[in-house]
């Protein structure tokens, strides 16, 4: 993972050939661009710190925690990689398991995210099923259980319990 976009050095001609950054993606456009760059070029990593990474409350990164849009964009990038790169069955299985585990954790522990996820499930499902064929059953059953728990909390709150 490249945690700081400004730390990536990319040749202008390679970026132009890849089609620049995805302008409509607020959170994961950089990852989408890296995937497109890797289709036409190689990557080199230098562990030496060449710049300083700072984090503040006003950055996009600080606002994306548990964001529905962030997760949708991440699914879009994963679908692109799944469609355009050779991935072994074992790698695909592991990536799917990791992704589902993260999604289920978010749904289980973040009420706001769970509600937003349920609202946008159809749109999300269409893109996520490209790389995660068993998404439907696992995610939807967990989401229904959480929705039931949320409904119970609301009923108890109305009763004053």
N, C-alpha and C. Protein backbone atom coordinates (compact mmCIF):
# COMPACT_ATOMS: atom_id res chain seq x y z
N UNK A 1 0.85 -1.17 0.00
CA UNK A 1 0.00 0.00 0.00
C UNK A 1 0.89 1.23 0.00
N UNK A 2 0.50 2.21 -0.74
CA UNK A 2 1.19 3.50 -0.76
C UNK A 2 0.34 4.45 0.09
N UNK A 3 0.74 4.70 1.35
CA UNK A 3 -0.11 5.49 2.24
C UNK A 3 -0.15 6.97 1.91
N UNK A 4 0.81 7.43 1.14
CA UNK A 4 0.90 8.85 0.86
C UNK A 4 1.13 9.04 -0.64
N UNK A 5 0.11 9.49 -1.33
CA UNK A 5 0.18 9.64 -2.79
C UNK A 5 1.34 10.52 -3.21
N UNK A 6 1.65 11.53 -2.43
CA UNK A 6 2.74 12.44 -2.83
C UNK A 6 4.10 11.75 -2.77
N UNK A 7 4.17 10.56 -2.19
CA UNK A 7 5.45 9.85 -2.14
C UNK A 7 5.69 9.03 -3.40
N UNK A 8 4.71 8.89 -4.27
CA UNK A 8 4.86 8.11 -5.50
C UNK A 8 5.41 9.00 -6.61
N UNK A 9 6.47 8.53 -7.22
CA UNK A 9 7.04 9.23 -8.37
C UNK A 9 6.64 8.47 -9.62
N UNK A 10 5.95 9.15 -10.52
CA UNK A 10 5.42 8.50 -11.72
C UNK A 10 5.85 9.33 -12.93
N UNK A 11 6.35 8.65 -13.93
CA UNK A 11 6.72 9.35 -15.17
C UNK A 11 5.46 9.90 -15.83
N UNK A 12 5.54 11.13 -16.28
CA UNK A 12 4.38 11.79 -16.89
C UNK A 12 3.87 11.00 -18.09
N UNK A 13 4.78 10.52 -18.93
CA UNK A 13 4.36 9.81 -20.13
C UNK A 13 3.65 8.50 -19.76
N UNK A 14 4.06 7.85 -18.67
CA UNK A 14 3.39 6.62 -18.23
C UNK A 14 2.01 6.93 -17.68
N UNK A 15 1.90 8.01 -16.93
CA UNK A 15 0.60 8.42 -16.39
C UNK A 15 -0.37 8.77 -17.52
N UNK A 16 0.12 9.46 -18.53
CA UNK A 16 -0.73 9.80 -19.68
C UNK A 16 -1.18 8.52 -20.39
N UNK A 17 -0.26 7.57 -20.57
CA UNK A 17 -0.59 6.31 -21.23
C UNK A 17 -1.63 5.51 -20.44
N UNK A 18 -1.58 5.62 -19.11
CA UNK A 18 -2.53 4.89 -18.25
C UNK A 18 -3.89 5.57 -18.20
N UNK A 19 -3.96 6.80 -18.65
CA UNK A 19 -5.24 7.50 -18.65
C UNK A 19 -5.45 8.40 -17.45
N UNK A 20 -4.38 8.85 -16.83
CA UNK A 20 -4.47 9.74 -15.66
C UNK A 20 -5.23 9.09 -14.50
N UNK A 21 -5.60 9.89 -13.54
CA UNK A 21 -6.33 9.40 -12.37
C UNK A 21 -7.83 9.35 -12.66
N UNK A 22 -8.51 8.53 -11.92
CA UNK A 22 -9.97 8.42 -12.04
C UNK A 22 -10.57 9.62 -11.32
N UNK A 23 -11.10 10.57 -12.06
CA UNK A 23 -11.54 11.84 -11.48
C UNK A 23 -12.80 11.74 -10.63
N UNK A 24 -13.62 10.74 -10.86
CA UNK A 24 -14.87 10.64 -10.10
C UNK A 24 -14.71 9.91 -8.78
N UNK A 25 -13.56 9.31 -8.56
CA UNK A 25 -13.34 8.60 -7.30
C UNK A 25 -12.74 9.55 -6.28
N UNK A 26 -13.42 9.71 -5.17
CA UNK A 26 -12.95 10.61 -4.12
C UNK A 26 -11.91 9.93 -3.22
N UNK A 27 -12.11 8.65 -2.93
CA UNK A 27 -11.27 7.96 -1.95
C UNK A 27 -10.24 7.01 -2.56
N UNK A 28 -10.58 6.32 -3.63
CA UNK A 28 -9.72 5.25 -4.15
C UNK A 28 -9.22 5.48 -5.56
N UNK A 29 -9.30 6.70 -6.05
CA UNK A 29 -8.81 7.01 -7.38
C UNK A 29 -7.34 6.73 -7.54
N UNK A 30 -6.56 6.94 -6.47
CA UNK A 30 -5.13 6.67 -6.54
C UNK A 30 -4.87 5.17 -6.72
N UNK A 31 -5.60 4.33 -6.00
CA UNK A 31 -5.41 2.88 -6.14
C UNK A 31 -5.81 2.41 -7.54
N UNK A 32 -6.88 2.99 -8.07
CA UNK A 32 -7.31 2.65 -9.42
C UNK A 32 -6.22 3.04 -10.43
N UNK A 33 -5.63 4.20 -10.23
CA UNK A 33 -4.55 4.66 -11.10
C UNK A 33 -3.34 3.74 -11.00
N UNK A 34 -2.97 3.32 -9.78
CA UNK A 34 -1.84 2.42 -9.62
C UNK A 34 -2.09 1.11 -10.36
N UNK A 35 -3.31 0.59 -10.29
CA UNK A 35 -3.64 -0.66 -11.00
C UNK A 35 -3.47 -0.46 -12.51
N UNK A 36 -3.94 0.66 -13.01
CA UNK A 36 -3.81 0.93 -14.45
C UNK A 36 -2.34 1.11 -14.84
N UNK A 37 -1.56 1.73 -13.98
CA UNK A 37 -0.13 1.89 -14.24
C UNK A 37 0.58 0.54 -14.27
N UNK A 38 0.20 -0.37 -13.38
CA UNK A 38 0.85 -1.68 -13.33
C UNK A 38 0.54 -2.54 -14.55
N UNK A 39 -0.51 -2.20 -15.28
CA UNK A 39 -0.80 -2.93 -16.52
C UNK A 39 0.22 -2.61 -17.61
N UNK A 40 0.82 -1.43 -17.53
CA UNK A 40 1.72 -1.00 -18.61
C UNK A 40 3.15 -0.74 -18.16
N UNK A 41 3.43 -0.86 -16.86
CA UNK A 41 4.78 -0.58 -16.38
C UNK A 41 5.08 -1.39 -15.13
N UNK A 42 6.30 -1.27 -14.65
CA UNK A 42 6.71 -1.95 -13.43
C UNK A 42 6.74 -0.97 -12.27
N UNK A 43 6.90 -1.52 -11.07
CA UNK A 43 6.90 -0.72 -9.85
C UNK A 43 8.20 -0.99 -9.11
N UNK A 44 8.79 0.05 -8.57
CA UNK A 44 9.98 -0.09 -7.72
C UNK A 44 9.65 0.52 -6.37
N UNK A 45 10.12 -0.12 -5.30
CA UNK A 45 9.86 0.38 -3.96
C UNK A 45 11.19 0.71 -3.30
N UNK A 46 11.26 1.88 -2.71
CA UNK A 46 12.45 2.30 -1.96
C UNK A 46 12.01 2.52 -0.52
N UNK A 47 12.59 1.77 0.41
CA UNK A 47 12.18 1.85 1.81
C UNK A 47 12.68 3.11 2.52
N UNK A 48 13.63 3.80 1.94
CA UNK A 48 14.16 5.02 2.55
C UNK A 48 13.10 6.12 2.52
N UNK A 49 12.91 6.77 3.66
CA UNK A 49 11.95 7.88 3.72
C UNK A 49 12.50 9.06 2.93
N UNK A 50 11.77 9.45 1.89
CA UNK A 50 12.19 10.57 1.06
C UNK A 50 11.32 11.80 1.27
N UNK A 51 10.26 11.65 2.01
CA UNK A 51 9.41 12.79 2.39
C UNK A 51 8.74 12.46 3.72
N UNK A 52 8.03 13.41 4.28
CA UNK A 52 7.38 13.20 5.57
C UNK A 52 5.88 13.14 5.38
N UNK A 53 5.29 12.14 5.98
CA UNK A 53 3.85 11.93 5.89
C UNK A 53 3.19 12.56 7.11
N UNK A 54 2.27 13.48 6.86
CA UNK A 54 1.54 14.13 7.95
C UNK A 54 0.07 13.78 7.83
N UNK A 55 -0.58 13.73 8.96
CA UNK A 55 -1.99 13.37 9.00
C UNK A 55 -2.73 14.44 9.79
N UNK A 56 -3.80 14.98 9.21
CA UNK A 56 -4.59 15.97 9.94
C UNK A 56 -6.07 15.65 9.82
N UNK A 57 -6.88 16.30 10.60
CA UNK A 57 -8.33 16.05 10.59
C UNK A 57 -9.02 16.56 9.33
N UNK A 58 -8.36 17.37 8.55
CA UNK A 58 -8.97 17.98 7.37
C UNK A 58 -8.69 17.23 6.07
N UNK A 59 -8.02 16.09 6.14
CA UNK A 59 -7.69 15.35 4.92
C UNK A 59 -8.83 14.41 4.53
N UNK A 60 -8.83 14.02 3.26
CA UNK A 60 -9.82 13.04 2.79
C UNK A 60 -9.66 11.75 3.58
N UNK A 61 -8.41 11.37 3.86
CA UNK A 61 -8.13 10.13 4.60
C UNK A 61 -8.85 10.12 5.95
N UNK A 62 -8.88 11.24 6.65
CA UNK A 62 -9.51 11.27 7.97
C UNK A 62 -11.03 11.18 7.88
N UNK A 63 -11.60 11.53 6.73
CA UNK A 63 -13.05 11.51 6.57
C UNK A 63 -13.57 10.20 5.99
N UNK A 64 -12.68 9.30 5.56
CA UNK A 64 -13.14 8.10 4.87
C UNK A 64 -13.40 6.93 5.80
N UNK A 65 -13.04 7.02 7.05
CA UNK A 65 -13.21 5.91 7.98
C UNK A 65 -14.67 5.47 8.01
N UNK A 66 -14.91 4.25 7.64
CA UNK A 66 -16.26 3.66 7.62
C UNK A 66 -17.20 4.37 6.66
N UNK A 67 -16.68 4.85 5.57
CA UNK A 67 -17.51 5.54 4.59
C UNK A 67 -18.06 4.55 3.57
N UNK A 68 -19.35 4.65 3.32
CA UNK A 68 -19.99 3.81 2.30
C UNK A 68 -19.32 4.03 0.95
N UNK A 69 -19.08 5.27 0.56
CA UNK A 69 -18.48 5.57 -0.73
C UNK A 69 -17.07 5.00 -0.83
N UNK A 70 -16.32 5.06 0.25
CA UNK A 70 -14.97 4.49 0.25
C UNK A 70 -15.03 2.99 -0.03
N UNK A 71 -15.94 2.30 0.62
CA UNK A 71 -16.05 0.85 0.42
C UNK A 71 -16.52 0.51 -0.98
N UNK A 72 -17.43 1.31 -1.53
CA UNK A 72 -17.89 1.10 -2.90
C UNK A 72 -16.74 1.30 -3.89
N UNK A 73 -15.96 2.35 -3.69
CA UNK A 73 -14.83 2.60 -4.57
C UNK A 73 -13.77 1.51 -4.44
N UNK A 74 -13.56 1.03 -3.21
CA UNK A 74 -12.61 -0.06 -3.01
C UNK A 74 -13.07 -1.31 -3.77
N UNK A 75 -14.36 -1.60 -3.72
CA UNK A 75 -14.91 -2.74 -4.46
C UNK A 75 -14.73 -2.55 -5.96
N UNK A 76 -14.87 -1.33 -6.44
CA UNK A 76 -14.67 -1.03 -7.86
C UNK A 76 -13.23 -1.33 -8.29
N UNK A 77 -12.27 -0.92 -7.47
CA UNK A 77 -10.86 -1.18 -7.77
C UNK A 77 -10.59 -2.68 -7.73
N UNK A 78 -11.12 -3.37 -6.73
CA UNK A 78 -10.91 -4.82 -6.62
C UNK A 78 -11.51 -5.55 -7.82
N UNK A 79 -12.66 -5.11 -8.28
CA UNK A 79 -13.28 -5.73 -9.46
C UNK A 79 -12.41 -5.50 -10.70
N UNK A 80 -11.85 -4.30 -10.82
CA UNK A 80 -10.98 -3.98 -11.96
C UNK A 80 -9.75 -4.89 -11.94
N UNK A 81 -9.13 -5.02 -10.78
CA UNK A 81 -7.94 -5.87 -10.66
C UNK A 81 -8.31 -7.32 -10.96
N UNK A 82 -9.42 -7.77 -10.44
CA UNK A 82 -9.88 -9.13 -10.67
C UNK A 82 -10.11 -9.42 -12.16
N UNK A 83 -10.64 -8.44 -12.87
CA UNK A 83 -10.93 -8.59 -14.30
C UNK A 83 -9.70 -8.46 -15.19
N UNK A 84 -8.68 -7.74 -14.75
CA UNK A 84 -7.57 -7.38 -15.64
C UNK A 84 -6.20 -7.95 -15.29
N UNK A 85 -6.09 -8.67 -14.18
CA UNK A 85 -4.81 -9.24 -13.78
C UNK A 85 -4.96 -10.73 -13.52
N UNK A 86 -3.92 -11.51 -13.83
CA UNK A 86 -4.01 -12.95 -13.53
C UNK A 86 -3.89 -13.18 -12.03
N UNK A 87 -4.92 -13.73 -11.44
CA UNK A 87 -4.94 -13.99 -10.00
C UNK A 87 -5.25 -15.46 -9.81
N UNK A 88 -4.42 -16.15 -9.04
CA UNK A 88 -4.64 -17.57 -8.81
C UNK A 88 -5.90 -17.78 -7.97
N UNK A 89 -6.43 -18.98 -8.02
CA UNK A 89 -7.63 -19.30 -7.25
C UNK A 89 -7.38 -19.10 -5.75
N UNK A 90 -6.19 -19.46 -5.29
CA UNK A 90 -5.86 -19.32 -3.87
C UNK A 90 -5.77 -17.84 -3.47
N UNK A 91 -5.14 -17.03 -4.31
CA UNK A 91 -5.05 -15.59 -4.02
C UNK A 91 -6.44 -14.95 -4.03
N UNK A 92 -7.25 -15.34 -4.97
CA UNK A 92 -8.62 -14.81 -5.06
C UNK A 92 -9.43 -15.20 -3.81
N UNK A 93 -9.28 -16.45 -3.40
CA UNK A 93 -9.99 -16.94 -2.20
C UNK A 93 -9.57 -16.15 -0.96
N UNK A 94 -8.26 -15.92 -0.80
CA UNK A 94 -7.75 -15.19 0.36
C UNK A 94 -8.19 -13.73 0.33
N UNK A 95 -8.12 -13.10 -0.84
CA UNK A 95 -8.55 -11.70 -0.96
C UNK A 95 -10.03 -11.56 -0.65
N UNK A 96 -10.83 -12.50 -1.15
CA UNK A 96 -12.27 -12.48 -0.89
C UNK A 96 -12.55 -12.64 0.59
N UNK A 97 -11.87 -13.60 1.23
CA UNK A 97 -12.07 -13.83 2.67
C UNK A 97 -11.70 -12.59 3.47
N UNK A 98 -10.57 -11.97 3.15
CA UNK A 98 -10.14 -10.76 3.86
C UNK A 98 -11.14 -9.63 3.66
N UNK A 99 -11.60 -9.47 2.44
CA UNK A 99 -12.55 -8.40 2.13
C UNK A 99 -13.87 -8.61 2.88
N UNK A 100 -14.40 -9.83 2.81
CA UNK A 100 -15.67 -10.12 3.50
C UNK A 100 -15.54 -9.93 5.00
N UNK A 101 -14.43 -10.37 5.56
CA UNK A 101 -14.22 -10.21 7.00
C UNK A 101 -14.24 -8.73 7.39
N UNK A 102 -13.57 -7.90 6.60
CA UNK A 102 -13.56 -6.46 6.88
C UNK A 102 -14.94 -5.85 6.76
N UNK A 103 -15.68 -6.23 5.72
CA UNK A 103 -17.03 -5.70 5.53
C UNK A 103 -17.96 -6.13 6.66
N UNK A 104 -17.89 -7.38 7.04
CA UNK A 104 -18.76 -7.87 8.12
C UNK A 104 -18.43 -7.19 9.44
N UNK A 105 -17.15 -6.94 9.67
CA UNK A 105 -16.75 -6.23 10.89
C UNK A 105 -17.32 -4.81 10.90
N UNK A 106 -17.23 -4.12 9.76
CA UNK A 106 -17.79 -2.77 9.67
C UNK A 106 -19.30 -2.78 9.90
N UNK A 107 -19.98 -3.70 9.25
CA UNK A 107 -21.44 -3.77 9.39
C UNK A 107 -21.84 -4.09 10.82
N UNK A 108 -21.09 -4.98 11.46
CA UNK A 108 -21.43 -5.40 12.82
C UNK A 108 -21.20 -4.32 13.86
N UNK A 109 -20.19 -3.48 13.67
CA UNK A 109 -19.81 -2.56 14.73
C UNK A 109 -20.09 -1.08 14.44
N UNK A 110 -20.54 -0.77 13.25
CA UNK A 110 -20.81 0.63 12.92
C UNK A 110 -22.25 0.74 12.41
N UNK A 111 -23.14 1.17 13.27
CA UNK A 111 -24.56 1.26 12.93
C UNK A 111 -24.80 2.16 11.73
N UNK A 112 -24.17 3.31 11.69
CA UNK A 112 -24.36 4.23 10.57
C UNK A 112 -23.93 3.58 9.26
N UNK A 113 -22.77 2.94 9.27
CA UNK A 113 -22.30 2.27 8.06
C UNK A 113 -23.26 1.16 7.65
N UNK A 114 -23.74 0.38 8.62
CA UNK A 114 -24.66 -0.72 8.31
C UNK A 114 -25.92 -0.21 7.61
N UNK A 115 -26.45 0.89 8.09
CA UNK A 115 -27.66 1.47 7.49
C UNK A 115 -27.36 1.95 6.08
N UNK A 116 -26.25 2.66 5.89
CA UNK A 116 -25.87 3.14 4.55
C UNK A 116 -25.61 1.98 3.61
N UNK A 117 -24.98 0.93 4.13
CA UNK A 117 -24.69 -0.25 3.32
C UNK A 117 -25.99 -0.90 2.85
N UNK A 118 -26.95 -1.03 3.74
CA UNK A 118 -28.23 -1.63 3.37
C UNK A 118 -28.95 -0.78 2.32
N UNK A 119 -28.86 0.53 2.44
CA UNK A 119 -29.51 1.42 1.46
C UNK A 119 -28.91 1.26 0.07
N UNK A 120 -27.61 1.10 -0.01
CA UNK A 120 -26.93 1.04 -1.30
C UNK A 120 -26.54 -0.36 -1.73
N UNK A 121 -27.13 -1.36 -1.10
CA UNK A 121 -26.71 -2.74 -1.32
C UNK A 121 -26.76 -3.15 -2.79
N UNK A 122 -27.81 -2.81 -3.51
CA UNK A 122 -27.93 -3.25 -4.91
C UNK A 122 -26.79 -2.73 -5.77
N UNK A 123 -26.48 -1.46 -5.64
CA UNK A 123 -25.39 -0.87 -6.42
C UNK A 123 -24.06 -1.53 -6.05
N UNK A 124 -23.83 -1.68 -4.77
CA UNK A 124 -22.61 -2.29 -4.26
C UNK A 124 -22.49 -3.74 -4.72
N UNK A 125 -23.59 -4.49 -4.63
CA UNK A 125 -23.59 -5.91 -4.98
C UNK A 125 -23.14 -6.12 -6.42
N UNK A 126 -23.62 -5.29 -7.33
CA UNK A 126 -23.30 -5.47 -8.74
C UNK A 126 -21.80 -5.39 -9.01
N UNK A 127 -21.11 -4.51 -8.33
CA UNK A 127 -19.67 -4.38 -8.55
C UNK A 127 -18.90 -5.41 -7.73
N UNK A 128 -19.30 -5.67 -6.50
CA UNK A 128 -18.55 -6.57 -5.62
C UNK A 128 -18.64 -8.03 -6.07
N UNK A 129 -19.73 -8.43 -6.70
CA UNK A 129 -19.86 -9.82 -7.13
C UNK A 129 -18.86 -10.18 -8.23
N UNK A 130 -18.25 -9.19 -8.86
CA UNK A 130 -17.25 -9.47 -9.89
C UNK A 130 -16.01 -10.15 -9.30
N UNK A 131 -15.66 -9.82 -8.07
CA UNK A 131 -14.48 -10.43 -7.46
C UNK A 131 -14.85 -11.30 -6.26
N UNK A 132 -16.09 -11.26 -5.85
CA UNK A 132 -16.52 -11.97 -4.64
C UNK A 132 -17.85 -12.68 -4.92
N UNK A 133 -17.82 -13.83 -5.63
CA UNK A 133 -19.06 -14.46 -6.06
C UNK A 133 -19.98 -14.91 -4.92
N UNK A 134 -19.44 -15.21 -3.75
CA UNK A 134 -20.29 -15.66 -2.64
C UNK A 134 -20.71 -14.51 -1.72
N UNK A 135 -20.58 -13.31 -2.22
CA UNK A 135 -20.92 -12.11 -1.45
C UNK A 135 -22.37 -12.12 -0.99
N UNK A 136 -23.27 -12.44 -1.89
CA UNK A 136 -24.70 -12.31 -1.65
C UNK A 136 -25.14 -12.97 -0.35
N UNK A 137 -24.93 -14.24 -0.23
CA UNK A 137 -25.44 -14.99 0.91
C UNK A 137 -24.81 -14.54 2.22
N UNK A 138 -23.49 -14.46 2.27
CA UNK A 138 -22.80 -14.15 3.51
C UNK A 138 -23.10 -12.73 4.00
N UNK A 139 -23.03 -11.78 3.08
CA UNK A 139 -23.23 -10.39 3.48
C UNK A 139 -24.68 -10.09 3.83
N UNK A 140 -25.58 -10.57 3.01
CA UNK A 140 -26.97 -10.23 3.23
C UNK A 140 -27.51 -10.86 4.50
N UNK A 141 -27.12 -12.11 4.79
CA UNK A 141 -27.60 -12.75 6.01
C UNK A 141 -27.07 -12.02 7.25
N UNK A 142 -25.82 -11.59 7.20
CA UNK A 142 -25.24 -10.84 8.32
C UNK A 142 -25.93 -9.48 8.45
N UNK A 143 -26.17 -8.81 7.33
CA UNK A 143 -26.82 -7.50 7.35
C UNK A 143 -28.23 -7.60 7.91
N UNK A 144 -28.94 -8.66 7.56
CA UNK A 144 -30.30 -8.84 8.10
C UNK A 144 -30.27 -9.05 9.61
N UNK A 145 -29.30 -9.81 10.09
CA UNK A 145 -29.17 -10.01 11.53
C UNK A 145 -28.90 -8.68 12.24
N UNK A 146 -28.06 -7.87 11.65
CA UNK A 146 -27.74 -6.57 12.23
C UNK A 146 -28.94 -5.65 12.18
N UNK A 147 -29.65 -5.66 11.05
CA UNK A 147 -30.86 -4.84 10.93
C UNK A 147 -31.87 -5.22 12.01
N UNK A 148 -32.00 -6.52 12.28
CA UNK A 148 -32.89 -6.97 13.34
C UNK A 148 -32.45 -6.46 14.70
N UNK A 149 -31.15 -6.50 14.95
CA UNK A 149 -30.62 -6.00 16.21
C UNK A 149 -30.87 -4.50 16.35
N UNK A 150 -30.68 -3.75 15.26
CA UNK A 150 -30.93 -2.31 15.29
C UNK A 150 -32.41 -2.01 15.55
N UNK A 151 -33.28 -2.78 14.90
CA UNK A 151 -34.72 -2.59 15.11
C UNK A 151 -35.08 -2.86 16.57
N UNK A 152 -34.49 -3.90 17.16
CA UNK A 152 -34.75 -4.21 18.57
C UNK A 152 -34.31 -3.06 19.47
N UNK A 153 -33.16 -2.47 19.19
CA UNK A 153 -32.68 -1.34 19.99
C UNK A 153 -33.63 -0.16 19.90
N UNK A 154 -34.15 0.09 18.71
CA UNK A 154 -35.08 1.21 18.54
C UNK A 154 -36.38 0.96 19.30
N UNK A 155 -36.87 -0.27 19.25
CA UNK A 155 -38.10 -0.61 19.98
C UNK A 155 -37.89 -0.42 21.47
N UNK A 156 -36.75 -0.91 21.99
CA UNK A 156 -36.45 -0.76 23.41
C UNK A 156 -36.30 0.72 23.79
N UNK A 157 -35.68 1.50 22.91
CA UNK A 157 -35.50 2.93 23.18
C UNK A 157 -36.86 3.64 23.25
N UNK A 158 -37.79 3.25 22.40
CA UNK A 158 -39.13 3.86 22.43
C UNK A 158 -39.86 3.52 23.72
N UNK A 159 -39.62 2.32 24.23
CA UNK A 159 -40.27 1.90 25.47
C UNK A 159 -39.61 2.51 26.70
N UNK A 160 -38.43 3.07 26.51
CA UNK A 160 -37.72 3.68 27.62
C UNK A 160 -36.85 2.69 28.37
N UNK A 161 -36.55 1.54 27.77
CA UNK A 161 -35.69 0.53 28.42
C UNK A 161 -34.24 0.81 28.19
